[in-house]
Amino acid sequence: MEQPLSTQVLMVRQPIFGANLKILAYELLVDLEKVDDESLLDGDSETSKILLNTYTSLSQDGAIRRVPLFISLSQQVLQKGYIPELPKKQVVLQIPSDTQMTAQVFGTIQMLSQQGYRLALDGFALQADKVPLLKYMRVVKLDIQTLPLDKLKKLRLVLSRSRAKVLAQNIANIKELNQCKQLKFDLFQGPFISRPVRVLGKKLPGNSVALLQLLQELQKPSTDINAIEALIILDPVLTYKILRVVNSAAYNLTKKIESLNQAVVMMGLDQVRKWATLIALSSNDDKPEELSRNMLVRGRLCSLLAEQQGDANPETAFMVGILSQLDVLMDITMEDVLKQVPLDDEIKEAIGQKEGVLGDILASVECHEQGDWDRLETMISNKGFFEAAYRHSLTWAQYTMQTLTDDKD
């Protein structure tokens, strides 16, 4: 894993979706109270290069892609009026909703627009001092949690006359997402992807039932390597992907493994259980890819944090991370998940009650996802390691998704 940045600044990316729930961009959340944000905007600095190389890259639809990164500009930077040159195709510069509109700030925004930067206005609610900015904006964000529905509809109609794409932010659930789609928003952002869709009396679809049955067998403490091999061989896709994994660069073998039995012997029980679970969870086509991506990042980050702390098993921590969103994946309550999947008590307590060392690790990872920096700092001792571990987890998740993707040729 790469070394921590010298700034030791905490950062996390949050997805911005199109109507089809494909990733069109990410927004960077940064703990700017602990760092000079001008250093993050220095296109020649190590920090800036890491941002653009790691935080804009993802595996989507079987290919490595780069998407723009929304980066907020502080009052200080806007007032100063100097921003180091950044690659215009890779960034969208965001004007925060609480920006005080001085003549100098307005001039900086005009200058950035003239230089060809894409600009976004955060939390627009028809503030009188922000209206003159609309003609410079490529994206305008409306916070649906602070705007009454009638005002939201009017604002969306007004903005339809501008060139800007309109983004609905802070969407809490799928119901709100569908409302925003009906209002013809262009972009969508919020924690809705991490919330299960719960319908009274809903039966699990066939693919979720099969997934649940597979997980039940994989997680049984009594299951041995022969039983897992017999289980995997019944699923041709799972068998194929296990062979892809064992023959990938992750294992760096000199001789190609061609049978499932060879793969199982080579990988061992814990690794086979881990990869079979991971593949099964990543194979649900009914959910956006970002959910699988986030589960992978969670699993890897939990594992690295457990390894660094030394008081929890990294493999168990990995399982806690990837299984912590099973309720979202299958649209049933976590209580039902924990009843139906035979997990160790340690894993159940970590996921269900955030108890124990593993529960603390999972809670810190969830805090990080939300950008809750103040709370996170009370939970971790080494910010530099945490940030580097997160970047590593993004890269690992990208590589893993590529490994698990069927060949396109």
Protein backbone atom coordinates (compact mmCIF):
# COMPACT_ATOMS: atom_id res chain seq x y z
CA MET A 1 0.00 0.00 0.00
CA GLU A 2 1.26 3.49 -0.86
CA GLN A 3 2.55 5.83 1.85
CA PRO A 4 0.19 8.37 3.45
CA LEU A 5 0.15 11.89 2.06
CA SER A 6 2.21 14.39 3.99
CA THR A 7 -0.90 16.55 4.52
CA GLN A 8 -2.73 13.65 6.21
CA VAL A 9 -5.99 15.21 5.06
CA LEU A 10 -9.15 13.10 5.16
CA MET A 11 -11.03 12.87 1.87
CA VAL A 12 -13.87 10.82 0.43
CA ARG A 13 -15.62 10.77 -2.92
CA GLN A 14 -19.41 10.65 -3.22
CA PRO A 15 -21.16 9.61 -6.44
CA ILE A 16 -23.20 11.75 -8.81
CA PHE A 17 -25.56 9.71 -10.99
CA GLY A 18 -27.36 10.08 -14.28
CA ALA A 19 -30.97 8.98 -14.72
CA ASN A 20 -29.85 5.41 -15.47
CA LEU A 21 -27.85 5.39 -12.19
CA LYS A 22 -24.52 5.23 -13.98
CA ILE A 23 -21.75 7.31 -12.41
CA LEU A 24 -21.28 10.60 -14.28
CA ALA A 25 -19.07 12.33 -11.70
CA TYR A 26 -17.89 12.25 -8.11
CA GLU A 27 -17.87 15.01 -5.53
CA LEU A 28 -14.83 15.29 -3.30
CA LEU A 29 -15.50 15.92 0.38
CA VAL A 30 -12.41 17.19 2.20
CA ASP A 31 -11.66 17.96 5.83
CA LEU A 32 -10.45 21.45 4.91
CA GLU A 33 -10.25 22.64 8.52
CA LYS A 34 -7.04 20.64 8.84
CA VAL A 35 -5.36 21.63 5.57
CA ASP A 36 -4.74 24.62 3.33
CA ASP A 37 -7.14 23.95 0.45
CA GLU A 38 -4.89 25.81 -1.98
CA SER A 39 -2.45 22.90 -1.78
CA LEU A 40 -5.22 20.55 -2.94
CA LEU A 41 -5.78 22.72 -6.01
CA ASP A 42 -2.13 22.85 -7.03
CA GLY A 43 -2.11 20.91 -10.28
CA ASP A 44 1.62 20.19 -9.94
CA SER A 45 1.53 18.93 -6.35
CA GLU A 46 1.66 15.27 -5.31
CA THR A 47 -1.66 15.64 -3.51
CA SER A 48 -3.45 17.04 -6.54
CA LYS A 49 -2.10 14.33 -8.84
CA ILE A 50 -3.27 11.63 -6.43
CA LEU A 51 -6.72 13.21 -6.31
CA LEU A 52 -7.10 13.20 -10.06
CA ASN A 53 -5.55 9.77 -10.65
CA THR A 54 -7.42 7.90 -7.91
CA TYR A 55 -10.63 9.77 -7.20
CA THR A 56 -11.73 10.22 -10.83
CA SER A 57 -11.13 6.62 -11.94
CA LEU A 58 -13.56 3.70 -11.79
CA SER A 59 -14.47 0.43 -13.44
CA GLN A 60 -17.89 0.79 -15.09
CA ASP A 61 -19.55 -1.48 -17.64
CA GLY A 62 -16.38 -3.55 -17.87
CA ALA A 63 -14.02 -0.69 -18.71
CA ILE A 64 -11.78 1.70 -16.79
CA ARG A 65 -13.26 5.17 -17.09
CA ARG A 66 -12.52 8.63 -15.78
CA VAL A 67 -15.27 10.97 -14.65
CA PRO A 68 -15.09 14.60 -13.51
CA LEU A 69 -14.45 15.45 -9.87
CA PHE A 70 -16.50 18.22 -8.22
CA ILE A 71 -14.18 20.24 -5.95
CA SER A 72 -15.53 23.01 -3.71
CA LEU A 73 -13.72 26.34 -3.63
CA SER A 74 -13.42 28.01 -0.24
CA GLN A 75 -14.23 31.65 0.45
CA GLN A 76 -10.50 32.25 0.90
CA VAL A 77 -9.59 30.89 -2.53
CA LEU A 78 -12.42 32.74 -4.27
CA GLN A 79 -11.54 35.98 -2.50
CA LYS A 80 -7.86 35.65 -3.30
CA GLY A 81 -8.66 35.08 -6.96
CA TYR A 82 -5.72 32.80 -7.76
CA ILE A 83 -6.24 29.14 -8.59
CA PRO A 84 -3.41 27.02 -10.01
CA GLU A 85 -4.17 25.58 -13.43
CA LEU A 86 -6.07 22.29 -13.27
CA PRO A 87 -7.03 19.87 -16.08
CA LYS A 88 -10.38 21.29 -17.18
CA LYS A 89 -11.78 17.95 -18.37
CA GLN A 90 -11.23 16.33 -14.98
CA VAL A 91 -12.65 18.89 -12.56
CA VAL A 92 -15.83 20.84 -11.91
CA LEU A 93 -15.22 23.77 -9.57
CA GLN A 94 -18.06 24.17 -7.09
CA ILE A 95 -19.26 27.40 -5.47
CA PRO A 96 -20.56 26.57 -1.95
CA SER A 97 -24.01 27.81 -0.97
CA ASP A 98 -22.65 29.89 1.93
CA THR A 99 -20.17 31.83 -0.24
CA GLN A 100 -20.30 35.56 0.49
CA MET A 101 -20.62 37.35 -2.82
CA THR A 102 -18.08 40.16 -2.73
CA ALA A 103 -16.99 41.98 -5.89
CA GLN A 104 -13.70 40.05 -5.78
CA VAL A 105 -15.47 36.68 -5.53
CA PHE A 106 -17.77 37.55 -8.43
CA GLY A 107 -14.76 38.57 -10.50
CA THR A 108 -13.00 35.27 -9.74
CA ILE A 109 -16.05 33.30 -10.89
CA GLN A 110 -16.21 35.31 -14.12
CA MET A 111 -12.50 34.70 -14.69
CA LEU A 112 -12.79 30.94 -14.14
CA SER A 113 -15.69 30.74 -16.58
CA GLN A 114 -13.74 32.70 -19.20
CA GLN A 115 -10.79 30.35 -18.73
CA GLY A 116 -13.01 27.40 -19.66
CA TYR A 117 -13.55 25.79 -16.27
CA ARG A 118 -16.87 24.07 -15.65
CA LEU A 119 -18.58 25.61 -12.62
CA ALA A 120 -21.29 24.29 -10.29
CA LEU A 121 -23.45 26.23 -7.85
CA ASP A 122 -24.25 24.35 -4.66
CA GLY A 123 -27.53 24.66 -2.73
CA PHE A 124 -29.24 27.19 -5.00
CA ALA A 125 -32.56 28.46 -3.61
CA LEU A 126 -33.08 31.70 -5.55
CA GLN A 127 -30.78 33.66 -3.24
CA ALA A 128 -30.67 37.19 -4.62
CA ASP A 129 -26.87 37.39 -4.54
CA LYS A 130 -26.51 34.03 -6.35
CA VAL A 131 -28.93 34.66 -9.25
CA PRO A 132 -26.33 36.66 -11.27
CA LEU A 133 -24.06 33.58 -11.18
CA LEU A 134 -26.46 31.35 -13.11
CA LYS A 135 -25.20 32.39 -16.54
CA TYR A 136 -21.72 31.10 -15.64
CA MET A 137 -22.84 27.73 -14.26
CA ARG A 138 -22.76 24.36 -15.99
CA VAL A 139 -24.43 22.60 -13.04
CA VAL A 140 -26.90 24.01 -10.49
CA LYS A 141 -27.67 21.97 -7.37
CA LEU A 142 -31.02 22.06 -5.58
CA ASP A 143 -31.20 20.62 -2.05
CA ILE A 144 -34.49 18.74 -2.01
CA GLN A 145 -34.45 18.44 1.79
CA THR A 146 -34.58 22.21 2.32
CA LEU A 147 -36.96 23.17 -0.50
CA PRO A 148 -40.75 22.60 -0.28
CA LEU A 149 -42.06 20.56 -3.21
CA ASP A 150 -43.91 23.49 -4.80
CA LYS A 151 -40.79 25.69 -4.71
CA LEU A 152 -38.69 22.80 -6.02
CA LYS A 153 -41.01 22.45 -9.02
CA LYS A 154 -40.89 26.19 -9.73
CA LEU A 155 -37.11 26.32 -9.47
CA ARG A 156 -36.75 23.34 -11.78
CA LEU A 157 -38.98 25.08 -14.32
CA VAL A 158 -37.03 28.34 -14.07
CA LEU A 159 -33.71 26.55 -14.52
CA SER A 160 -34.98 24.68 -17.59
CA ARG A 161 -34.44 27.95 -19.47
CA SER A 162 -30.73 28.00 -18.61
CA ARG A 163 -27.91 25.98 -20.16
CA ALA A 164 -27.06 24.42 -16.80
CA LYS A 165 -27.78 20.83 -15.89
CA VAL A 166 -29.87 20.65 -12.72
CA LEU A 167 -28.80 18.30 -9.93
CA ALA A 168 -31.07 17.07 -7.14
CA GLN A 169 -28.94 16.73 -4.01
CA ASN A 170 -29.49 15.02 -0.66
CA ILE A 171 -31.90 12.43 -2.10
CA ALA A 172 -32.60 10.18 0.87
CA ASN A 173 -34.42 7.22 -0.68
CA ILE A 174 -35.74 5.66 -3.89
CA LYS A 175 -39.14 7.34 -3.52
CA GLU A 176 -37.48 10.76 -3.57
CA LEU A 177 -35.29 9.67 -6.48
CA ASN A 178 -38.35 8.77 -8.53
CA GLN A 179 -39.97 12.12 -7.69
CA CYS A 180 -36.85 13.92 -8.92
CA LYS A 181 -36.85 11.88 -12.12
CA GLN A 182 -40.47 12.91 -12.72
CA LEU A 183 -39.41 16.55 -12.31
CA LYS A 184 -36.83 15.99 -15.09
CA PHE A 185 -33.69 16.57 -13.04
CA ASP A 186 -30.52 15.78 -14.97
CA LEU A 187 -28.25 14.58 -12.16
CA PHE A 188 -28.85 12.88 -8.82
CA GLN A 189 -26.87 12.79 -5.57
CA GLY A 190 -27.50 11.52 -2.06
CA PRO A 191 -27.50 8.43 0.17
CA PHE A 192 -30.50 6.83 -1.58
CA ILE A 193 -28.31 4.09 -3.05
CA SER A 194 -27.45 2.88 0.47
CA ARG A 195 -31.07 2.53 1.60
CA PRO A 196 -33.05 -0.69 1.04
CA VAL A 197 -36.38 -0.52 -0.75
CA ARG A 198 -38.84 -2.02 1.71
CA VAL A 199 -42.26 -2.98 0.41
CA LEU A 200 -44.82 -4.48 2.78
CA GLY A 201 -45.48 -8.10 1.88
CA LYS A 202 -42.80 -8.11 -0.82
CA LYS A 203 -41.34 -11.51 -1.67
CA LEU A 204 -37.68 -11.89 -2.47
CA PRO A 205 -37.05 -12.17 -6.22
CA GLY A 206 -35.60 -15.45 -7.46
CA ASN A 207 -32.06 -14.11 -7.84
CA SER A 208 -32.06 -12.82 -4.25
CA VAL A 209 -33.36 -16.16 -2.96
CA ALA A 210 -30.56 -17.97 -4.79
CA LEU A 211 -28.01 -15.47 -3.45
CA LEU A 212 -29.30 -15.92 0.09
CA GLN A 213 -29.10 -19.71 -0.19
CA LEU A 214 -25.54 -19.52 -1.49
CA LEU A 215 -24.49 -17.15 1.30
CA GLN A 216 -26.09 -19.42 3.88
CA GLU A 217 -23.93 -22.33 2.72
CA LEU A 218 -20.75 -20.28 2.33
CA GLN A 219 -21.00 -18.79 5.81
CA LYS A 220 -21.76 -21.98 7.75
CA PRO A 221 -18.88 -22.52 10.21
CA SER A 222 -19.15 -26.27 9.57
CA THR A 223 -18.70 -25.92 5.80
CA ASP A 224 -15.38 -27.43 4.70
CA ILE A 225 -13.44 -26.86 1.51
CA ASN A 226 -14.93 -29.92 -0.24
CA ALA A 227 -18.47 -28.73 0.49
CA ILE A 228 -17.69 -25.26 -0.87
CA GLU A 229 -16.13 -26.76 -4.00
CA ALA A 230 -19.24 -28.89 -4.55
CA LEU A 231 -21.41 -25.80 -4.07
CA ILE A 232 -19.43 -23.61 -6.47
CA ILE A 233 -19.26 -26.19 -9.25
CA LEU A 234 -23.07 -26.12 -9.50
CA ASP A 235 -22.83 -22.50 -10.70
CA PRO A 236 -20.89 -22.22 -14.01
CA VAL A 237 -20.56 -18.42 -13.75
CA LEU A 238 -19.20 -18.62 -10.20
CA THR A 239 -16.77 -21.37 -11.24
CA TYR A 240 -15.58 -19.32 -14.22
CA LYS A 241 -15.00 -16.22 -12.11
CA ILE A 242 -13.14 -18.12 -9.38
CA LEU A 243 -10.78 -19.39 -12.10
CA ARG A 244 -10.39 -15.83 -13.42
CA VAL A 245 -9.43 -14.64 -9.95
CA VAL A 246 -6.88 -17.36 -9.24
CA ASN A 247 -5.26 -16.78 -12.65
CA SER A 248 -5.16 -13.00 -12.23
CA ALA A 249 -2.21 -10.89 -11.17
CA ALA A 250 -3.50 -11.08 -7.59
CA TYR A 251 -1.97 -14.58 -7.29
CA ASN A 252 0.87 -14.15 -9.80
CA LEU A 253 1.06 -17.85 -10.70
CA THR A 254 3.59 -19.15 -13.22
CA LYS A 255 1.28 -21.93 -14.42
CA LYS A 256 -2.36 -21.45 -15.40
CA ILE A 257 -4.94 -23.11 -13.14
CA GLU A 258 -7.57 -24.85 -15.27
CA SER A 259 -9.78 -26.76 -12.82
CA LEU A 260 -11.88 -25.68 -9.88
CA ASN A 261 -10.25 -28.33 -7.69
CA GLN A 262 -6.80 -26.88 -8.41
CA ALA A 263 -8.10 -23.37 -7.68
CA VAL A 264 -9.61 -24.44 -4.35
CA VAL A 265 -6.40 -26.17 -3.26
CA MET A 266 -4.30 -23.16 -4.32
CA MET A 267 -6.49 -20.53 -2.64
CA GLY A 268 -7.44 -22.31 0.59
CA LEU A 269 -10.73 -22.30 2.48
CA ASP A 270 -10.77 -18.69 3.71
CA GLN A 271 -9.83 -17.21 0.32
CA VAL A 272 -12.33 -19.37 -1.58
CA ARG A 273 -15.10 -18.43 0.85
CA LYS A 274 -14.13 -14.75 0.60
CA TRP A 275 -14.01 -14.64 -3.21
CA ALA A 276 -17.13 -16.77 -3.71
CA THR A 277 -19.05 -14.45 -1.37
CA LEU A 278 -17.66 -11.38 -3.10
CA ILE A 279 -18.53 -12.70 -6.58
CA ALA A 280 -22.03 -13.67 -5.49
CA LEU A 281 -22.68 -10.22 -4.03
CA SER A 282 -21.32 -8.48 -7.14
CA SER A 283 -23.51 -10.45 -9.53
CA ASN A 284 -26.84 -8.76 -8.77
CA ASP A 285 -27.72 -6.96 -12.02
CA ASP A 286 -30.82 -5.40 -10.44
CA LYS A 287 -28.70 -2.93 -8.46
CA PRO A 288 -26.40 -0.12 -9.65
CA GLU A 289 -22.72 -0.98 -10.01
CA GLU A 290 -21.90 1.69 -7.44
CA LEU A 291 -23.41 -0.47 -4.69
CA SER A 292 -21.06 -3.36 -5.52
CA ARG A 293 -18.18 -0.90 -5.79
CA ASN A 294 -18.94 0.55 -2.36
CA MET A 295 -19.23 -2.91 -0.79
CA LEU A 296 -15.80 -3.81 -2.16
CA VAL A 297 -14.28 -0.57 -0.87
CA ARG A 298 -15.86 -1.14 2.54
CA GLY A 299 -14.56 -4.69 2.72
CA ARG A 300 -11.00 -3.81 1.75
CA LEU A 301 -10.85 -0.73 3.99
CA CYS A 302 -12.19 -2.67 7.00
CA SER A 303 -9.57 -5.35 6.34
CA LEU A 304 -6.69 -2.85 6.15
CA LEU A 305 -7.80 -1.07 9.32
CA ALA A 306 -8.02 -4.39 11.18
CA GLU A 307 -4.55 -5.32 9.99
CA GLN A 308 -3.14 -1.96 11.08
CA GLN A 309 -4.77 -2.10 14.52
CA GLY A 310 -3.71 -5.69 15.10
CA ASP A 311 -6.66 -6.59 17.35
CA ALA A 312 -9.05 -8.08 14.77
CA ASN A 313 -8.80 -10.69 12.02
CA PRO A 314 -8.47 -8.89 8.64
CA GLU A 315 -10.40 -11.63 6.79
CA THR A 316 -13.28 -11.35 9.26
CA ALA A 317 -13.18 -7.55 8.96
CA PHE A 318 -13.40 -7.91 5.18
CA MET A 319 -16.55 -10.01 5.52
CA VAL A 320 -18.05 -7.42 7.89
CA GLY A 321 -17.45 -4.71 5.30
CA ILE A 322 -18.90 -6.48 2.26
CA LEU A 323 -21.85 -7.98 4.14
CA SER A 324 -22.80 -4.71 5.84
CA GLN A 325 -25.02 -3.68 2.91
CA LEU A 326 -26.75 -6.99 2.31
CA ASP A 327 -30.04 -5.38 3.33
CA VAL A 328 -29.67 -2.87 0.48
CA LEU A 329 -28.63 -5.52 -2.01
CA MET A 330 -31.63 -7.75 -1.28
CA ASP A 331 -34.15 -5.10 -0.12
CA ILE A 332 -34.90 -6.77 3.19
CA THR A 333 -34.21 -5.55 6.70
CA MET A 334 -30.79 -6.17 8.20
CA GLU A 335 -32.58 -7.93 11.05
CA ASP A 336 -33.94 -10.48 8.56
CA VAL A 337 -30.53 -10.82 6.89
CA LEU A 338 -28.85 -11.61 10.20
CA LYS A 339 -31.53 -14.18 11.00
CA GLN A 340 -31.23 -15.97 7.67
CA VAL A 341 -27.46 -15.95 7.03
CA PRO A 342 -25.52 -18.06 9.58
CA LEU A 343 -22.78 -15.59 10.48
CA ASP A 344 -20.41 -15.70 13.45
CA ASP A 345 -21.69 -13.79 16.48
CA GLU A 346 -18.73 -11.40 16.16
CA ILE A 347 -19.81 -10.46 12.62
CA LYS A 348 -23.48 -10.19 13.59
CA GLU A 349 -22.69 -7.87 16.50
CA ALA A 350 -20.46 -5.71 14.31
CA ILE A 351 -23.05 -5.32 11.54
CA GLY A 352 -26.20 -5.26 13.64
CA GLN A 353 -25.16 -3.26 16.70
CA LYS A 354 -21.75 -1.78 15.72
CA GLU A 355 -20.33 -3.57 18.77
CA GLY A 356 -16.84 -4.88 19.41
CA VAL A 357 -13.61 -4.04 17.61
CA LEU A 358 -15.10 -4.94 14.23
CA GLY A 359 -18.17 -2.81 14.95
CA ASP A 360 -15.92 0.16 15.73
CA ILE A 361 -14.04 -0.35 12.46
CA LEU A 362 -17.27 -0.53 10.44
CA ALA A 363 -18.63 2.57 12.21
CA SER A 364 -15.48 4.53 11.33
CA VAL A 365 -15.75 3.48 7.67
CA GLU A 366 -19.40 4.58 7.55
CA CYS A 367 -18.49 7.93 9.19
CA HIS A 368 -15.84 8.41 6.53
CA GLU A 369 -18.34 7.70 3.73
CA GLN A 370 -20.57 10.45 5.10
CA GLY A 371 -17.73 12.96 5.51
CA ASP A 372 -18.43 13.23 9.25
CA TRP A 373 -14.89 14.39 10.01
CA ASP A 374 -15.38 15.54 13.62
CA ARG A 375 -16.84 12.21 14.71
CA LEU A 376 -14.32 10.23 12.67
CA GLU A 377 -11.39 11.93 14.38
CA THR A 378 -12.62 10.62 17.73
CA MET A 379 -12.58 7.08 16.32
CA ILE A 380 -9.20 6.82 14.57
CA SER A 381 -5.62 7.39 15.69
CA ASN A 382 -3.78 7.67 12.37
CA LYS A 383 -5.41 9.90 9.76
CA GLY A 384 -2.55 9.43 7.32
CA PHE A 385 -2.95 5.66 7.30
CA PHE A 386 -6.75 5.88 7.04
CA GLU A 387 -6.61 8.19 4.01
CA ALA A 388 -3.97 6.08 2.25
CA ALA A 389 -5.95 2.90 3.04
CA TYR A 390 -9.06 4.46 1.51
CA ARG A 391 -7.22 5.38 -1.70
CA HIS A 392 -5.77 1.88 -1.86
CA SER A 393 -9.27 0.43 -1.39
CA LEU A 394 -10.61 2.48 -4.31
CA THR A 395 -7.85 1.15 -6.55
CA TRP A 396 -8.31 -2.41 -5.28
CA ALA A 397 -12.08 -2.26 -5.88
CA GLN A 398 -11.48 -0.99 -9.42
CA TYR A 399 -9.04 -3.81 -10.15
CA THR A 400 -11.34 -6.41 -8.59
CA MET A 401 -14.34 -5.28 -10.64
CA GLN A 402 -12.22 -5.57 -13.77
CA THR A 403 -11.10 -9.07 -12.77
CA LEU A 404 -14.69 -10.18 -12.20
CA THR A 405 -16.00 -8.70 -15.46
CA ASP A 406 -16.63 -11.12 -18.29
CA ASP A 407 -14.33 -10.78 -21.29
CA LYS A 408 -15.83 -8.51 -23.93
CA ASP A 409 -14.06 -10.04 -26.90
